[in-house]
Amino acid sequence: MRFGLDLAQQRMRFDELVGRARFADEAGFDGIWGFDHFQPMYGEGPGECFEGNTTLAALSGHTSRARLGLLVTGMTYRHPAVFAAEAITIDHASGGRFELAYGAAWFDHEHRALGIPFPPTGDRIDAFEEAVQIVRGLLTTDGFTFEGRHFQVQDATLRPRPVQQPHPPLWIGASGERRTMPIAAKYADVWHCYGPVEVLEPKSERISGHAEAAGRDPATILRASSLSLDGDWEEVARTIDGWRDAGFGYLVCGWPGEGRGRVEEFVERFLRS
C-alpha cells in the first residue's frame, strides 16, 4: 500500500505549508497533496488559500523525493491547453514527480463568487471528457488538433515534453457511475474516489467492467481513496487492510485534527514498521 499526505492547504501561512510538505517528504510519504481552490471551503470569514498549481511548483523546490499533486485539478478553472502547459512546467520543476490529477469540478459557490462559468452537470462532464483528451494529446503529440463542442485546439505543439513519458500519471477523480466513472475507466492511470470501502469496492468492480468495454486491462488502473488518521490505531489498521483486500493500492491520508504529532505516530506505526 502506498500512502500520500493531504496538506490541508488552506487557512495557513505559506511557510507553514512548506513545513508540512518538507515533513511529509522526509517522513516517507509517497505523495504530497493539495487542492485546487481559490478560497477556503470551511471556517468563518476569509482566510489564506494559495492557488494549487503554482503552490506545487513552489513546493517542488522544497522537497526532493515525494510526488506532488492536487486532489483534483478542476477542469473549469483553466482551458485544458493552459493546464497541459502548467503540467509540463511542474513536471520539470519537480524532476518528474508530478501526478496529473483531473476532475470536472464541483464547488459552484466559488465559481459564482469569482465569476468563473459553471456549466450544468451534463455540459460540464462532456467538456471534461474533451479536456482529458486535449491534455493527453498536447503532452504527447506535435501538431495536435482537436475539434470538440466545448474546446478546440489547432495544430498545437507544447515543448518541452514532460520528464515522465509518455506523460505524468493521469488521476481522474470520479464517483458518478453513468458518466464520470466510464471516463476514468477509459483514460485514467489512477482512479480516485471518496467513500467507505463497502461503497467503493463495488464501484471498483464497475470500473473494471467499463475498462474492459473500452478495451483496457482493468489491472492497469490503480485504485486510490482516502484515509482518516483520526480514531483508534487498531481501527485505522483494519481500515487499511480492508482497502488492500478490496484491491486499492493508494490512500491519501487526511491531515488529522490532532495535528502533526498524530501524523508522526502514523509514520512510526505504518511507514517505518
C-alpha atoms as a PDB file:
ATOM      1  CA  MET A   1       0.000   0.000   0.000  1.00  0.00           C
ATOM      2  CA  ARG A   2       1.240   3.482  -0.898  1.00  0.00           C
ATOM      3  CA  PHE A   3       0.340   6.498   1.218  1.00  0.00           C
ATOM      4  CA  GLY A   4       0.089  10.188   0.408  1.00  0.00           C
ATOM      5  CA  LEU A   5      -0.472  13.074   2.807  1.00  0.00           C
ATOM      6  CA  ASP A   6      -3.072  15.792   2.316  1.00  0.00           C
ATOM      7  CA  LEU A   7      -1.544  19.088   3.425  1.00  0.00           C
ATOM      8  CA  ALA A   8      -4.966  20.610   4.218  1.00  0.00           C
ATOM      9  CA  GLN A   9      -3.962  23.530   2.015  1.00  0.00           C
ATOM     10  CA  GLN A  10      -5.995  26.378   3.432  1.00  0.00           C
ATOM     11  CA  ARG A  11      -6.038  28.841   6.320  1.00  0.00           C
ATOM     12  CA  MET A  12      -2.287  28.746   6.937  1.00  0.00           C
ATOM     13  CA  ARG A  13       0.720  30.863   6.070  1.00  0.00           C
ATOM     14  CA  PHE A  14       2.840  29.701   3.147  1.00  0.00           C
ATOM     15  CA  ASP A  15       5.799  28.908   5.405  1.00  0.00           C
ATOM     16  CA  GLU A  16       3.540  26.564   7.366  1.00  0.00           C
ATOM     17  CA  LEU A  17       2.520  24.849   4.145  1.00  0.00           C
ATOM     18  CA  VAL A  18       6.171  24.429   3.174  1.00  0.00           C
ATOM     19  CA  GLY A  19       6.884  22.984   6.605  1.00  0.00           C
ATOM     20  CA  ARG A  20       4.190  20.344   6.212  1.00  0.00           C
ATOM     21  CA  ALA A  21       5.464  19.441   2.746  1.00  0.00           C
ATOM     22  CA  ARG A  22       9.056  19.068   3.966  1.00  0.00           C
ATOM     23  CA  PHE A  23       7.867  16.929   6.854  1.00  0.00           C
ATOM     24  CA  ALA A  24       5.886  14.633   4.513  1.00  0.00           C
ATOM     25  CA  ASP A  25       8.851  14.384   2.154  1.00  0.00           C
ATOM     26  CA  GLU A  26      11.277  13.415   4.919  1.00  0.00           C
ATOM     27  CA  ALA A  27       8.798  11.114   6.699  1.00  0.00           C
ATOM     28  CA  GLY A  28       8.481   8.769   3.734  1.00  0.00           C
ATOM     29  CA  PHE A  29       5.037   9.544   2.312  1.00  0.00           C
ATOM     30  CA  ASP A  30       4.808   8.602  -1.355  1.00  0.00           C
ATOM     31  CA  GLY A  31       2.876  11.742  -2.264  1.00  0.00           C
ATOM     32  CA  ILE A  32       2.113  15.276  -1.112  1.00  0.00           C
ATOM     33  CA  TRP A  33      -1.381  16.506  -1.983  1.00  0.00           C
ATOM     34  CA  GLY A  34      -3.047  19.900  -2.100  1.00  0.00           C
ATOM     35  CA  PHE A  35      -6.339  21.041  -3.566  1.00  0.00           C
ATOM     36  CA  ASP A  36      -7.411  23.222  -6.455  1.00  0.00           C
ATOM     37  CA  HIS A  37      -9.459  26.011  -4.908  1.00  0.00           C
ATOM     38  CA  PHE A  38      -9.004  29.749  -4.558  1.00  0.00           C
ATOM     39  CA  GLN A  39     -10.981  30.256  -1.360  1.00  0.00           C
ATOM     40  CA  PRO A  40     -11.243  28.228   1.866  1.00  0.00           C
ATOM     41  CA  MET A  41     -14.158  25.802   1.845  1.00  0.00           C
ATOM     42  CA  TYR A  42     -14.773  25.799   5.601  1.00  0.00           C
ATOM     43  CA  GLY A  43     -14.446  28.096   8.585  1.00  0.00           C
ATOM     44  CA  GLU A  44     -15.682  31.608   9.137  1.00  0.00           C
ATOM     45  CA  GLY A  45     -14.689  34.617   7.080  1.00  0.00           C
ATOM     46  CA  PRO A  46     -11.848  34.990   4.580  1.00  0.00           C
ATOM     47  CA  GLY A  47      -8.649  33.062   5.054  1.00  0.00           C
ATOM     48  CA  GLU A  48      -5.382  32.195   3.376  1.00  0.00           C
ATOM     49  CA  CYS A  49      -5.721  29.932   0.351  1.00  0.00           C
ATOM     50  CA  PHE A  50      -2.937  29.655  -2.231  1.00  0.00           C
ATOM     51  CA  GLU A  51      -3.508  28.653  -5.866  1.00  0.00           C
ATOM     52  CA  GLY A  52      -2.826  24.968  -6.343  1.00  0.00           C
ATOM     53  CA  ASN A  53      -0.559  24.552  -9.364  1.00  0.00           C
ATOM     54  CA  THR A  54       1.771  27.427  -8.529  1.00  0.00           C
ATOM     55  CA  THR A  55       1.931  26.031  -4.993  1.00  0.00           C
ATOM     56  CA  LEU A  56       3.051  22.646  -6.367  1.00  0.00           C
ATOM     57  CA  ALA A  57       5.731  24.334  -8.464  1.00  0.00           C
ATOM     58  CA  ALA A  58       6.982  26.161  -5.369  1.00  0.00           C
ATOM     59  CA  LEU A  59       6.900  23.015  -3.208  1.00  0.00           C
ATOM     60  CA  SER A  60       8.963  21.178  -5.805  1.00  0.00           C
ATOM     61  CA  GLY A  61      11.898  23.342  -4.725  1.00  0.00           C
ATOM     62  CA  HIS A  62      11.389  22.490  -1.040  1.00  0.00           C
ATOM     63  CA  THR A  63      11.085  18.707  -1.488  1.00  0.00           C
ATOM     64  CA  SER A  64      13.209  16.067  -3.160  1.00  0.00           C
ATOM     65  CA  ARG A  65      11.509  12.679  -3.058  1.00  0.00           C
ATOM     66  CA  ALA A  66       7.726  12.703  -2.623  1.00  0.00           C
ATOM     67  CA  ARG A  67       5.470  13.109  -5.613  1.00  0.00           C
ATOM     68  CA  LEU A  68       3.234  16.192  -5.930  1.00  0.00           C
ATOM     69  CA  GLY A  69      -0.398  16.551  -6.941  1.00  0.00           C
ATOM     70  CA  LEU A  70      -3.785  18.178  -6.357  1.00  0.00           C
ATOM     71  CA  LEU A  71      -6.936  16.244  -5.475  1.00  0.00           C
ATOM     72  CA  VAL A  72      -8.055  17.182  -8.007  1.00  0.00           C
ATOM     73  CA  THR A  73      -7.369  19.922 -10.560  1.00  0.00           C
ATOM     74  CA  GLY A  74     -10.688  21.424 -11.633  1.00  0.00           C
ATOM     75  CA  MET A  75     -11.317  21.439 -15.389  1.00  0.00           C
ATOM     76  CA  THR A  76     -13.426  24.599 -15.217  1.00  0.00           C
ATOM     77  CA  TYR A  77     -10.624  26.784 -13.865  1.00  0.00           C
ATOM     78  CA  ARG A  78      -8.287  26.622 -16.872  1.00  0.00           C
ATOM     79  CA  HIS A  79      -8.510  25.883 -20.565  1.00  0.00           C
ATOM     80  CA  PRO A  80      -7.048  22.363 -20.970  1.00  0.00           C
ATOM     81  CA  ALA A  81      -4.217  23.695 -23.155  1.00  0.00           C
ATOM     82  CA  VAL A  82      -3.199  26.045 -20.335  1.00  0.00           C
ATOM     83  CA  PHE A  83      -3.391  23.191 -17.836  1.00  0.00           C
ATOM     84  CA  ALA A  84      -1.229  20.999 -20.088  1.00  0.00           C
ATOM     85  CA  ALA A  85       1.444  23.716 -20.199  1.00  0.00           C
ATOM     86  CA  GLU A  86       1.311  24.061 -16.402  1.00  0.00           C
ATOM     87  CA  ALA A  87       1.606  20.279 -16.015  1.00  0.00           C
ATOM     88  CA  ILE A  88       4.750  20.201 -18.144  1.00  0.00           C
ATOM     89  CA  THR A  89       6.273  23.020 -16.105  1.00  0.00           C
ATOM     90  CA  ILE A  90       5.559  21.345 -12.753  1.00  0.00           C
ATOM     91  CA  ASP A  91       6.865  18.021 -14.039  1.00  0.00           C
ATOM     92  CA  HIS A  92      10.160  19.653 -14.998  1.00  0.00           C
ATOM     93  CA  ALA A  93      10.381  21.768 -11.836  1.00  0.00           C
ATOM     94  CA  SER A  94       9.943  18.643  -9.712  1.00  0.00           C
ATOM     95  CA  GLY A  95      12.286  16.429 -11.718  1.00  0.00           C
ATOM     96  CA  GLY A  96       9.455  14.172 -12.848  1.00  0.00           C
ATOM     97  CA  ARG A  97       7.469  13.947  -9.603  1.00  0.00           C
ATOM     98  CA  PHE A  98       4.156  15.399 -10.811  1.00  0.00           C
ATOM     99  CA  GLU A  99       0.864  13.499 -10.518  1.00  0.00           C
ATOM    100  CA  LEU A 100      -1.631  14.898 -13.030  1.00  0.00           C
ATOM    101  CA  ALA A 101      -4.948  14.618 -11.208  1.00  0.00           C
ATOM    102  CA  TYR A 102      -8.043  15.931 -13.006  1.00  0.00           C
ATOM    103  CA  GLY A 103     -11.747  16.277 -12.367  1.00  0.00           C
ATOM    104  CA  ALA A 104     -14.856  18.031 -13.640  1.00  0.00           C
ATOM    105  CA  ALA A 105     -15.008  20.473 -10.639  1.00  0.00           C
ATOM    106  CA  TRP A 106     -17.939  20.864  -8.289  1.00  0.00           C
ATOM    107  CA  PHE A 107     -17.714  23.885  -5.952  1.00  0.00           C
ATOM    108  CA  ASP A 108     -20.367  26.083  -7.530  1.00  0.00           C
ATOM    109  CA  HIS A 109     -20.243  28.762  -4.796  1.00  0.00           C
ATOM    110  CA  GLU A 110     -16.613  29.521  -5.572  1.00  0.00           C
ATOM    111  CA  HIS A 111     -17.351  29.785  -9.282  1.00  0.00           C
ATOM    112  CA  ARG A 112     -20.192  32.247  -8.677  1.00  0.00           C
ATOM    113  CA  ALA A 113     -18.157  34.336  -6.233  1.00  0.00           C
ATOM    114  CA  LEU A 114     -15.199  34.674  -8.597  1.00  0.00           C
ATOM    115  CA  GLY A 115     -17.157  34.983 -11.832  1.00  0.00           C
ATOM    116  CA  ILE A 116     -15.938  31.661 -13.243  1.00  0.00           C
ATOM    117  CA  PRO A 117     -18.502  29.974 -15.522  1.00  0.00           C
ATOM    118  CA  PHE A 118     -20.012  26.828 -14.024  1.00  0.00           C
ATOM    119  CA  PRO A 119     -21.915  24.893 -16.710  1.00  0.00           C
ATOM    120  CA  PRO A 120     -24.721  22.467 -15.888  1.00  0.00           C
ATOM    121  CA  THR A 121     -23.589  18.998 -14.881  1.00  0.00           C
ATOM    122  CA  GLY A 122     -24.110  17.306 -18.241  1.00  0.00           C
ATOM    123  CA  ASP A 123     -22.288  20.006 -20.196  1.00  0.00           C
ATOM    124  CA  ARG A 124     -19.501  20.118 -17.620  1.00  0.00           C
ATOM    125  CA  ILE A 125     -18.882  16.373 -17.849  1.00  0.00           C
ATOM    126  CA  ASP A 126     -18.954  16.479 -21.651  1.00  0.00           C
ATOM    127  CA  ALA A 127     -16.385  19.274 -21.529  1.00  0.00           C
ATOM    128  CA  PHE A 128     -14.284  17.303 -19.057  1.00  0.00           C
ATOM    129  CA  GLU A 129     -14.014  14.309 -21.380  1.00  0.00           C
ATOM    130  CA  GLU A 130     -12.894  16.640 -24.169  1.00  0.00           C
ATOM    131  CA  ALA A 131     -10.385  18.283 -21.824  1.00  0.00           C
ATOM    132  CA  VAL A 132      -8.847  14.934 -20.826  1.00  0.00           C
ATOM    133  CA  GLN A 133      -8.231  14.116 -24.484  1.00  0.00           C
ATOM    134  CA  ILE A 134      -6.706  17.530 -25.169  1.00  0.00           C
ATOM    135  CA  VAL A 135      -4.358  17.392 -22.191  1.00  0.00           C
ATOM    136  CA  ARG A 136      -3.136  13.916 -23.105  1.00  0.00           C
ATOM    137  CA  GLY A 137      -2.775  14.904 -26.735  1.00  0.00           C
ATOM    138  CA  LEU A 138      -0.771  18.034 -26.027  1.00  0.00           C
ATOM    139  CA  LEU A 139       1.565  16.184 -23.668  1.00  0.00           C
ATOM    140  CA  THR A 140       2.396  13.522 -26.236  1.00  0.00           C
ATOM    141  CA  THR A 141       1.813  14.814 -29.776  1.00  0.00           C
ATOM    142  CA  ASP A 142       3.206  17.534 -32.018  1.00  0.00           C
ATOM    143  CA  GLY A 143       0.715  19.347 -34.231  1.00  0.00           C
ATOM    144  CA  PHE A 144      -2.215  18.145 -32.144  1.00  0.00           C
ATOM    145  CA  THR A 145      -5.708  19.066 -33.342  1.00  0.00           C
ATOM    146  CA  PHE A 146      -8.983  18.510 -31.508  1.00  0.00           C
ATOM    147  CA  GLU A 147     -12.421  19.719 -32.559  1.00  0.00           C
ATOM    148  CA  GLY A 148     -14.915  19.394 -29.734  1.00  0.00           C
ATOM    149  CA  ARG A 149     -18.157  21.111 -28.824  1.00  0.00           C
ATOM    150  CA  HIS A 150     -16.567  22.827 -25.824  1.00  0.00           C
ATOM    151  CA  PHE A 151     -12.860  23.010 -26.657  1.00  0.00           C
ATOM    152  CA  GLN A 152     -10.776  23.208 -29.817  1.00  0.00           C
ATOM    153  CA  VAL A 153      -7.043  23.260 -30.500  1.00  0.00           C
ATOM    154  CA  GLN A 154      -5.464  23.527 -33.955  1.00  0.00           C
ATOM    155  CA  ASP A 155      -2.094  22.078 -34.971  1.00  0.00           C
ATOM    156  CA  ALA A 156      -0.811  22.717 -31.435  1.00  0.00           C
ATOM    157  CA  THR A 157       2.589  21.745 -30.048  1.00  0.00           C
ATOM    158  CA  LEU A 158       3.867  22.186 -26.490  1.00  0.00           C
ATOM    159  CA  ARG A 159       7.547  21.783 -25.763  1.00  0.00           C
ATOM    160  CA  PRO A 160       9.432  20.502 -23.905  1.00  0.00           C
ATOM    161  CA  ARG A 161       7.825  17.134 -23.443  1.00  0.00           C
ATOM    162  CA  PRO A 162       7.172  16.113 -19.823  1.00  0.00           C
ATOM    163  CA  VAL A 163      10.013  14.466 -17.934  1.00  0.00           C
ATOM    164  CA  GLN A 164       7.757  11.445 -17.392  1.00  0.00           C
ATOM    165  CA  GLN A 165       6.971   9.605 -20.578  1.00  0.00           C
ATOM    166  CA  PRO A 166       4.592   9.427 -22.251  1.00  0.00           C
ATOM    167  CA  HIS A 167       3.058  11.777 -19.650  1.00  0.00           C
ATOM    168  CA  PRO A 168       2.732  12.101 -15.855  1.00  0.00           C
ATOM    169  CA  PRO A 169       0.337   9.578 -14.288  1.00  0.00           C
ATOM    170  CA  LEU A 170      -3.227  10.683 -15.024  1.00  0.00           C
ATOM    171  CA  TRP A 171      -5.511  10.519 -11.998  1.00  0.00           C
ATOM    172  CA  ILE A 172      -9.216  11.030 -12.575  1.00  0.00           C
ATOM    173  CA  GLY A 173     -11.475  11.757  -9.630  1.00  0.00           C
ATOM    174  CA  ALA A 174     -14.857  10.195 -10.396  1.00  0.00           C
ATOM    175  CA  SER A 175     -17.846   8.883  -8.458  1.00  0.00           C
ATOM    176  CA  GLY A 176     -20.678   9.107 -10.992  1.00  0.00           C
ATOM    177  CA  GLU A 177     -21.379   5.640 -12.343  1.00  0.00           C
ATOM    178  CA  ARG A 178     -23.163   6.768 -15.510  1.00  0.00           C
ATOM    179  CA  ARG A 179     -20.769   9.426 -16.810  1.00  0.00           C
ATOM    180  CA  THR A 180     -17.541  10.142 -14.927  1.00  0.00           C
ATOM    181  CA  MET A 181     -16.527   6.608 -13.961  1.00  0.00           C
ATOM    182  CA  PRO A 182     -16.597   5.447 -17.605  1.00  0.00           C
ATOM    183  CA  ILE A 183     -14.307   8.388 -18.444  1.00  0.00           C
ATOM    184  CA  ALA A 184     -11.894   7.273 -15.715  1.00  0.00           C
ATOM    185  CA  ALA A 185     -12.032   3.685 -16.947  1.00  0.00           C
ATOM    186  CA  LYS A 186     -11.211   4.802 -20.481  1.00  0.00           C
ATOM    187  CA  TYR A 187      -8.382   7.258 -19.802  1.00  0.00           C
ATOM    188  CA  ALA A 188      -7.055   7.139 -16.220  1.00  0.00           C
ATOM    189  CA  ASP A 189      -3.887   5.584 -14.882  1.00  0.00           C
ATOM    190  CA  VAL A 190      -5.342   6.083 -11.390  1.00  0.00           C
ATOM    191  CA  TRP A 191      -8.990   6.247 -10.347  1.00  0.00           C
ATOM    192  CA  HIS A 192      -9.607   8.178  -7.108  1.00  0.00           C
ATOM    193  CA  CYS A 193     -12.872   8.304  -5.207  1.00  0.00           C
ATOM    194  CA  TYR A 194     -14.017   9.254  -1.700  1.00  0.00           C
ATOM    195  CA  GLY A 195     -16.180   6.997   0.429  1.00  0.00           C
ATOM    196  CA  PRO A 196     -16.114   3.910   2.676  1.00  0.00           C
ATOM    197  CA  VAL A 197     -14.669   0.675   1.360  1.00  0.00           C
ATOM    198  CA  GLU A 198     -18.056  -1.063   1.333  1.00  0.00           C
ATOM    199  CA  VAL A 199     -19.307   1.562  -1.124  1.00  0.00           C
ATOM    200  CA  LEU A 200     -16.200   1.848  -3.282  1.00  0.00           C
ATOM    201  CA  GLU A 201     -15.436  -1.864  -3.638  1.00  0.00           C
ATOM    202  CA  PRO A 202     -18.474  -2.457  -5.917  1.00  0.00           C
ATOM    203  CA  LYS A 203     -17.681   0.796  -7.729  1.00  0.00           C
ATOM    204  CA  SER A 204     -14.191  -0.553  -8.369  1.00  0.00           C
ATOM    205  CA  GLU A 205     -15.723  -3.674  -9.881  1.00  0.00           C
ATOM    206  CA  ARG A 206     -17.795  -1.476 -12.176  1.00  0.00           C
ATOM    207  CA  ILE A 207     -14.656   0.458 -13.156  1.00  0.00           C
ATOM    208  CA  SER A 208     -13.205  -2.883 -14.236  1.00  0.00           C
ATOM    209  CA  GLY A 209     -16.265  -3.566 -16.386  1.00  0.00           C
ATOM    210  CA  HIS A 210     -16.056  -0.145 -18.019  1.00  0.00           C
ATOM    211  CA  ALA A 211     -12.329  -0.636 -18.662  1.00  0.00           C
ATOM    212  CA  GLU A 212     -12.912  -3.975 -20.371  1.00  0.00           C
ATOM    213  CA  ALA A 213     -15.634  -2.387 -22.521  1.00  0.00           C
ATOM    214  CA  ALA A 214     -13.097   0.273 -23.544  1.00  0.00           C
ATOM    215  CA  GLY A 215     -10.555  -2.394 -24.475  1.00  0.00           C
ATOM    216  CA  ARG A 216      -8.333  -1.862 -21.437  1.00  0.00           C
ATOM    217  CA  ASP A 217      -6.910  -4.274 -18.893  1.00  0.00           C
ATOM    218  CA  PRO A 218      -8.552  -3.257 -15.572  1.00  0.00           C
ATOM    219  CA  ALA A 219      -5.349  -4.177 -13.745  1.00  0.00           C
ATOM    220  CA  THR A 220      -3.607  -1.213 -15.371  1.00  0.00           C
ATOM    221  CA  ILE A 221      -5.792   1.213 -13.376  1.00  0.00           C
ATOM    222  CA  LEU A 222      -4.564   1.875  -9.837  1.00  0.00           C
ATOM    223  CA  ARG A 223      -7.402   2.322  -7.334  1.00  0.00           C
ATOM    224  CA  ALA A 224      -6.985   5.138  -4.803  1.00  0.00           C
ATOM    225  CA  SER A 225      -9.060   6.538  -1.979  1.00  0.00           C
ATOM    226  CA  SER A 226      -8.588   8.442   1.256  1.00  0.00           C
ATOM    227  CA  LEU A 227      -7.842   7.519   4.858  1.00  0.00           C
ATOM    228  CA  SER A 228      -8.726   9.280   8.091  1.00  0.00           C
ATOM    229  CA  LEU A 229      -5.986   9.231  10.710  1.00  0.00           C
ATOM    230  CA  ASP A 230      -8.437  10.031  13.488  1.00  0.00           C
ATOM    231  CA  GLY A 231      -9.688   7.302  15.793  1.00  0.00           C
ATOM    232  CA  ASP A 232      -8.172   4.177  17.295  1.00  0.00           C
ATOM    233  CA  TRP A 233      -4.987   2.896  15.619  1.00  0.00           C
ATOM    234  CA  GLU A 234      -6.345  -0.649  15.507  1.00  0.00           C
ATOM    235  CA  GLU A 235      -9.343   0.676  13.611  1.00  0.00           C
ATOM    236  CA  VAL A 236      -7.038   2.534  11.208  1.00  0.00           C
ATOM    237  CA  ALA A 237      -5.101  -0.702  10.648  1.00  0.00           C
ATOM    238  CA  ARG A 238      -8.323  -2.630   9.947  1.00  0.00           C
ATOM    239  CA  THR A 239      -9.402   0.064   7.503  1.00  0.00           C
ATOM    240  CA  ILE A 240      -6.097  -0.160   5.627  1.00  0.00           C
ATOM    241  CA  ASP A 241      -6.435  -3.944   5.451  1.00  0.00           C
ATOM    242  CA  GLY A 242      -9.970  -3.553   4.113  1.00  0.00           C
ATOM    243  CA  TRP A 243      -8.798  -1.235   1.346  1.00  0.00           C
ATOM    244  CA  ARG A 244      -5.976  -3.606   0.456  1.00  0.00           C
ATOM    245  CA  ASP A 245      -8.354  -6.578   0.327  1.00  0.00           C
ATOM    246  CA  ALA A 246     -10.667  -4.559  -1.957  1.00  0.00           C
ATOM    247  CA  GLY A 247      -7.845  -4.058  -4.458  1.00  0.00           C
ATOM    248  CA  PHE A 248      -6.959  -0.448  -3.621  1.00  0.00           C
ATOM    249  CA  GLY A 249      -3.261   0.402  -3.730  1.00  0.00           C
ATOM    250  CA  TYR A 250      -3.056   4.075  -2.687  1.00  0.00           C
ATOM    251  CA  LEU A 251      -4.554   6.006   0.234  1.00  0.00           C
ATOM    252  CA  VAL A 252      -4.324   9.763   0.762  1.00  0.00           C
ATOM    253  CA  CYS A 253      -4.155  10.440   4.492  1.00  0.00           C
ATOM    254  CA  GLY A 254      -6.164  13.400   5.690  1.00  0.00           C
ATOM    255  CA  TRP A 255      -4.376  15.853   7.985  1.00  0.00           C
ATOM    256  CA  PRO A 256      -5.843  14.911  11.390  1.00  0.00           C
ATOM    257  CA  GLY A 257      -7.457  17.199  13.897  1.00  0.00           C
ATOM    258  CA  GLU A 258      -4.787  16.273  16.455  1.00  0.00           C
ATOM    259  CA  GLY A 259      -2.127  17.754  14.177  1.00  0.00           C
ATOM    260  CA  ARG A 260       1.405  16.790  13.255  1.00  0.00           C
ATOM    261  CA  GLY A 261       2.018  14.599  16.300  1.00  0.00           C
ATOM    262  CA  ARG A 262      -0.702  12.245  15.145  1.00  0.00           C
ATOM    263  CA  VAL A 263       0.842  12.060  11.658  1.00  0.00           C
ATOM    264  CA  GLU A 264       4.245  11.311  13.196  1.00  0.00           C
ATOM    265  CA  GLU A 265       2.706   8.435  15.125  1.00  0.00           C
ATOM    266  CA  PHE A 266       1.148   7.103  11.910  1.00  0.00           C
ATOM    267  CA  VAL A 267       4.557   7.247  10.247  1.00  0.00           C
ATOM    268  CA  GLU A 268       6.158   5.214  13.022  1.00  0.00           C
ATOM    269  CA  ARG A 269       3.359   2.651  13.078  1.00  0.00           C
ATOM    270  CA  PHE A 270       2.682   2.187   9.367  1.00  0.00           C
ATOM    271  CA  LEU A 271       5.504   3.625   7.250  1.00  0.00           C
ATOM    272  CA  ARG A 272       8.573   2.619   9.268  1.00  0.00           C
ATOM    273  CA  SER A 273       7.433  -0.566  10.993  1.00  0.00           C
END
